[in-house]
Amino acid sequence: MSGGPIVLSLSTKIKKNKDLVEAEFEDELVMMSIEKGSYLGLDSIGTRIWQLLEKPQEVVAICDQLQEEYEVEEAQCQQDVLKLLEDMAEQKVILLVD
């Protein structure tokens, strides 16, 4: 049923899937999909990305904010964020906004 991997771009607008149960442990976040019976753990950077998704945003806005907060080169930040968000989209942790 899957049409292959989800590919995002910097201009893709995304939002949180609100149908998840989440819990924070120190600087990490664990989320569980009741519907799918799967879970995802995020490190401190992944948790920060999740926090930035309190409102729907374009991927580039998330990258821009992370570059302000962390010492990371633009290309590396964009590559890493896109990969994480694509994984999250495939697990339906985040949703694409039309």
N, C-alpha and C. Protein backbone atom coordinates (compact mmCIF):
# COMPACT_ATOMS: atom_id res chain seq x y z
N MET A 1 0.81 -1.18 0.00
CA MET A 1 0.00 0.00 0.00
C MET A 1 0.85 1.25 0.00
N SER A 2 2.07 1.16 0.53
CA SER A 2 2.96 2.31 0.59
C SER A 2 3.49 2.64 -0.80
N GLY A 3 3.57 3.92 -1.10
CA GLY A 3 4.07 4.35 -2.40
C GLY A 3 5.56 4.61 -2.37
N GLY A 4 6.29 3.97 -1.49
CA GLY A 4 7.72 4.19 -1.39
C GLY A 4 8.03 5.17 -0.28
N PRO A 5 9.32 5.50 -0.15
CA PRO A 5 9.72 6.41 0.93
C PRO A 5 9.16 7.82 0.73
N ILE A 6 8.93 8.49 1.82
CA ILE A 6 8.45 9.87 1.79
C ILE A 6 9.67 10.78 1.62
N VAL A 7 9.59 11.68 0.66
CA VAL A 7 10.67 12.62 0.41
C VAL A 7 10.16 14.02 0.69
N LEU A 8 10.83 14.72 1.58
CA LEU A 8 10.47 16.09 1.94
C LEU A 8 11.47 17.06 1.31
N SER A 9 11.05 18.30 1.18
CA SER A 9 11.95 19.36 0.74
C SER A 9 11.96 20.44 1.81
N LEU A 10 12.82 21.42 1.65
CA LEU A 10 12.90 22.51 2.64
C LEU A 10 11.61 23.32 2.68
N SER A 11 10.84 23.31 1.59
CA SER A 11 9.61 24.09 1.56
C SER A 11 8.38 23.29 1.98
N THR A 12 8.57 22.00 2.32
CA THR A 12 7.45 21.18 2.78
C THR A 12 6.97 21.69 4.13
N LYS A 13 5.66 21.86 4.27
CA LYS A 13 5.09 22.30 5.53
C LYS A 13 4.59 21.06 6.27
N ILE A 14 4.97 20.96 7.54
CA ILE A 14 4.64 19.78 8.33
C ILE A 14 4.02 20.19 9.66
N LYS A 15 3.38 19.20 10.30
CA LYS A 15 2.80 19.43 11.62
C LYS A 15 2.88 18.14 12.42
N LYS A 16 2.69 18.27 13.73
CA LYS A 16 2.67 17.10 14.62
C LYS A 16 1.43 16.28 14.35
N ASN A 17 1.56 14.98 14.53
CA ASN A 17 0.40 14.11 14.59
C ASN A 17 -0.05 14.15 16.05
N LYS A 18 -1.19 14.72 16.31
CA LYS A 18 -1.67 14.91 17.69
C LYS A 18 -2.20 13.62 18.31
N ASP A 19 -2.29 12.54 17.52
CA ASP A 19 -2.83 11.28 18.03
C ASP A 19 -1.76 10.38 18.65
N LEU A 20 -0.73 10.98 19.20
CA LEU A 20 0.36 10.22 19.81
C LEU A 20 0.38 10.45 21.30
N VAL A 21 0.83 9.46 22.02
CA VAL A 21 1.08 9.60 23.46
C VAL A 21 2.57 9.90 23.58
N GLU A 22 2.91 10.93 24.34
CA GLU A 22 4.32 11.28 24.47
C GLU A 22 4.70 11.46 25.94
N ALA A 23 5.96 11.16 26.24
CA ALA A 23 6.49 11.32 27.59
C ALA A 23 7.94 11.76 27.49
N GLU A 24 8.32 12.71 28.36
CA GLU A 24 9.71 13.17 28.39
C GLU A 24 10.46 12.49 29.52
N PHE A 25 11.69 12.11 29.23
CA PHE A 25 12.60 11.54 30.21
C PHE A 25 13.90 12.31 30.11
N GLU A 26 14.17 13.18 31.09
CA GLU A 26 15.33 14.05 31.08
C GLU A 26 15.31 14.87 29.80
N ASP A 27 16.30 14.71 28.90
CA ASP A 27 16.30 15.53 27.68
C ASP A 27 15.89 14.72 26.45
N GLU A 28 15.17 13.63 26.67
CA GLU A 28 14.71 12.81 25.55
C GLU A 28 13.19 12.69 25.59
N LEU A 29 12.61 12.37 24.45
CA LEU A 29 11.17 12.25 24.31
C LEU A 29 10.86 10.90 23.69
N VAL A 30 9.87 10.23 24.23
CA VAL A 30 9.40 8.97 23.67
C VAL A 30 7.95 9.17 23.27
N MET A 31 7.63 8.76 22.05
CA MET A 31 6.26 8.88 21.55
C MET A 31 5.76 7.51 21.14
N MET A 32 4.46 7.28 21.35
CA MET A 32 3.87 6.00 20.98
C MET A 32 2.59 6.24 20.19
N SER A 33 2.46 5.49 19.13
CA SER A 33 1.24 5.50 18.35
C SER A 33 0.36 4.37 18.86
N ILE A 34 -0.76 4.71 19.45
CA ILE A 34 -1.70 3.69 19.94
C ILE A 34 -2.25 2.91 18.75
N GLU A 35 -2.56 3.64 17.68
CA GLU A 35 -3.13 3.03 16.47
C GLU A 35 -2.19 1.99 15.87
N LYS A 36 -0.91 2.32 15.75
CA LYS A 36 0.06 1.43 15.11
C LYS A 36 0.78 0.52 16.10
N GLY A 37 0.72 0.85 17.39
CA GLY A 37 1.43 0.06 18.38
C GLY A 37 2.94 0.18 18.26
N SER A 38 3.41 1.31 17.73
CA SER A 38 4.85 1.52 17.56
C SER A 38 5.27 2.74 18.38
N TYR A 39 6.57 2.82 18.63
CA TYR A 39 7.06 3.98 19.37
C TYR A 39 8.33 4.51 18.73
N LEU A 40 8.64 5.76 19.07
CA LEU A 40 9.82 6.44 18.55
C LEU A 40 10.44 7.22 19.69
N GLY A 41 11.75 7.09 19.84
CA GLY A 41 12.48 7.86 20.84
C GLY A 41 13.29 8.94 20.15
N LEU A 42 13.29 10.13 20.72
CA LEU A 42 14.03 11.25 20.16
C LEU A 42 15.09 11.71 21.15
N ASP A 43 16.28 12.03 20.63
CA ASP A 43 17.33 12.60 21.47
C ASP A 43 17.01 14.08 21.70
N SER A 44 17.93 14.80 22.29
CA SER A 44 17.66 16.20 22.65
C SER A 44 17.40 17.07 21.42
N ILE A 45 18.09 16.84 20.31
CA ILE A 45 17.86 17.64 19.10
C ILE A 45 16.52 17.27 18.48
N GLY A 46 16.22 15.98 18.42
CA GLY A 46 14.92 15.54 17.91
C GLY A 46 13.79 16.09 18.75
N THR A 47 13.99 16.11 20.07
CA THR A 47 12.99 16.68 20.97
C THR A 47 12.80 18.16 20.69
N ARG A 48 13.90 18.87 20.42
CA ARG A 48 13.79 20.31 20.11
C ARG A 48 13.01 20.51 18.81
N ILE A 49 13.24 19.66 17.81
CA ILE A 49 12.49 19.75 16.56
C ILE A 49 11.00 19.54 16.85
N TRP A 50 10.68 18.56 17.67
CA TRP A 50 9.29 18.29 18.03
C TRP A 50 8.67 19.52 18.71
N GLN A 51 9.42 20.17 19.59
CA GLN A 51 8.92 21.38 20.25
C GLN A 51 8.65 22.49 19.24
N LEU A 52 9.51 22.59 18.22
CA LEU A 52 9.32 23.63 17.21
C LEU A 52 8.08 23.39 16.36
N LEU A 53 7.55 22.19 16.42
CA LEU A 53 6.35 21.86 15.64
C LEU A 53 5.06 22.10 16.43
N GLU A 54 5.12 22.94 17.44
CA GLU A 54 3.90 23.30 18.17
C GLU A 54 2.87 23.90 17.21
N LYS A 55 3.37 24.53 16.16
CA LYS A 55 2.49 25.01 15.09
C LYS A 55 3.10 24.52 13.78
N PRO A 56 2.26 24.29 12.76
CA PRO A 56 2.79 23.82 11.47
C PRO A 56 3.85 24.76 10.93
N GLN A 57 4.93 24.19 10.39
CA GLN A 57 6.04 24.98 9.88
C GLN A 57 6.64 24.33 8.65
N GLU A 58 7.34 25.16 7.87
CA GLU A 58 8.13 24.63 6.77
C GLU A 58 9.44 24.09 7.34
N VAL A 59 9.98 23.09 6.69
CA VAL A 59 11.24 22.47 7.14
C VAL A 59 12.34 23.52 7.25
N VAL A 60 12.41 24.44 6.31
CA VAL A 60 13.47 25.46 6.31
C VAL A 60 13.41 26.31 7.58
N ALA A 61 12.22 26.58 8.10
CA ALA A 61 12.09 27.39 9.32
C ALA A 61 12.65 26.63 10.52
N ILE A 62 12.46 25.33 10.54
CA ILE A 62 13.02 24.51 11.61
C ILE A 62 14.54 24.53 11.54
N CYS A 63 15.08 24.36 10.34
CA CYS A 63 16.54 24.40 10.15
C CYS A 63 17.11 25.75 10.56
N ASP A 64 16.45 26.83 10.17
CA ASP A 64 16.92 28.17 10.52
C ASP A 64 16.99 28.34 12.03
N GLN A 65 15.95 27.87 12.74
CA GLN A 65 15.92 28.00 14.19
C GLN A 65 17.02 27.17 14.84
N LEU A 66 17.22 25.95 14.35
CA LEU A 66 18.27 25.10 14.92
C LEU A 66 19.66 25.69 14.70
N GLN A 67 19.87 26.33 13.56
CA GLN A 67 21.17 26.96 13.30
C GLN A 67 21.41 28.13 14.25
N GLU A 68 20.34 28.81 14.68
CA GLU A 68 20.50 29.89 15.65
C GLU A 68 20.86 29.33 17.03
N GLU A 69 20.34 28.16 17.34
CA GLU A 69 20.51 27.59 18.69
C GLU A 69 21.74 26.70 18.82
N TYR A 70 22.17 26.08 17.73
CA TYR A 70 23.28 25.13 17.79
C TYR A 70 24.36 25.53 16.79
N GLU A 71 25.57 25.08 17.06
CA GLU A 71 26.67 25.35 16.15
C GLU A 71 26.69 24.24 15.10
N VAL A 72 26.05 24.51 13.97
CA VAL A 72 25.94 23.51 12.90
C VAL A 72 25.91 24.23 11.56
N GLU A 73 26.57 23.64 10.58
CA GLU A 73 26.58 24.24 9.25
C GLU A 73 25.23 24.04 8.58
N GLU A 74 24.85 24.98 7.73
CA GLU A 74 23.54 24.96 7.08
C GLU A 74 23.29 23.65 6.32
N ALA A 75 24.22 23.24 5.47
CA ALA A 75 24.02 22.03 4.66
C ALA A 75 23.86 20.80 5.54
N GLN A 76 24.69 20.67 6.58
CA GLN A 76 24.61 19.52 7.47
C GLN A 76 23.29 19.52 8.23
N CYS A 77 22.89 20.68 8.71
CA CYS A 77 21.64 20.81 9.45
C CYS A 77 20.46 20.38 8.57
N GLN A 78 20.42 20.91 7.35
CA GLN A 78 19.31 20.59 6.45
C GLN A 78 19.27 19.11 6.13
N GLN A 79 20.42 18.52 5.86
CA GLN A 79 20.48 17.09 5.54
C GLN A 79 19.98 16.24 6.72
N ASP A 80 20.48 16.54 7.92
CA ASP A 80 20.10 15.76 9.10
C ASP A 80 18.62 15.94 9.44
N VAL A 81 18.14 17.17 9.37
CA VAL A 81 16.73 17.45 9.70
C VAL A 81 15.81 16.77 8.69
N LEU A 82 16.13 16.87 7.41
CA LEU A 82 15.30 16.23 6.39
C LEU A 82 15.23 14.72 6.60
N LYS A 83 16.36 14.10 6.93
CA LYS A 83 16.36 12.65 7.14
C LYS A 83 15.49 12.28 8.34
N LEU A 84 15.65 12.98 9.45
CA LEU A 84 14.84 12.69 10.63
C LEU A 84 13.36 12.89 10.34
N LEU A 85 13.02 14.00 9.69
CA LEU A 85 11.62 14.29 9.42
C LEU A 85 11.01 13.30 8.43
N GLU A 86 11.80 12.83 7.47
CA GLU A 86 11.30 11.82 6.54
C GLU A 86 11.00 10.52 7.29
N ASP A 87 11.88 10.14 8.22
CA ASP A 87 11.64 8.96 9.05
C ASP A 87 10.37 9.16 9.88
N MET A 88 10.22 10.34 10.46
CA MET A 88 9.05 10.64 11.28
C MET A 88 7.77 10.62 10.44
N ALA A 89 7.85 11.11 9.21
CA ALA A 89 6.68 11.12 8.32
C ALA A 89 6.28 9.70 7.94
N GLU A 90 7.27 8.85 7.68
CA GLU A 90 6.98 7.46 7.33
C GLU A 90 6.32 6.72 8.49
N GLN A 91 6.65 7.11 9.71
CA GLN A 91 6.04 6.49 10.90
C GLN A 91 4.77 7.23 11.33
N LYS A 92 4.39 8.22 10.55
CA LYS A 92 3.18 9.03 10.81
C LYS A 92 3.24 9.79 12.13
N VAL A 93 4.45 10.13 12.55
CA VAL A 93 4.64 10.96 13.74
C VAL A 93 4.36 12.42 13.38
N ILE A 94 4.75 12.79 12.15
CA ILE A 94 4.41 14.11 11.63
C ILE A 94 3.57 13.91 10.37
N LEU A 95 2.82 14.94 10.04
CA LEU A 95 1.93 14.91 8.88
C LEU A 95 2.26 16.07 7.96
N LEU A 96 2.06 15.88 6.67
CA LEU A 96 2.26 16.95 5.71
C LEU A 96 1.04 17.84 5.71
N VAL A 97 1.28 19.15 5.59
CA VAL A 97 0.20 20.13 5.53
C VAL A 97 0.02 20.53 4.07
N ASP A 98 -1.21 20.51 3.61
CA ASP A 98 -1.48 20.90 2.22
C ASP A 98 -1.29 22.37 2.00
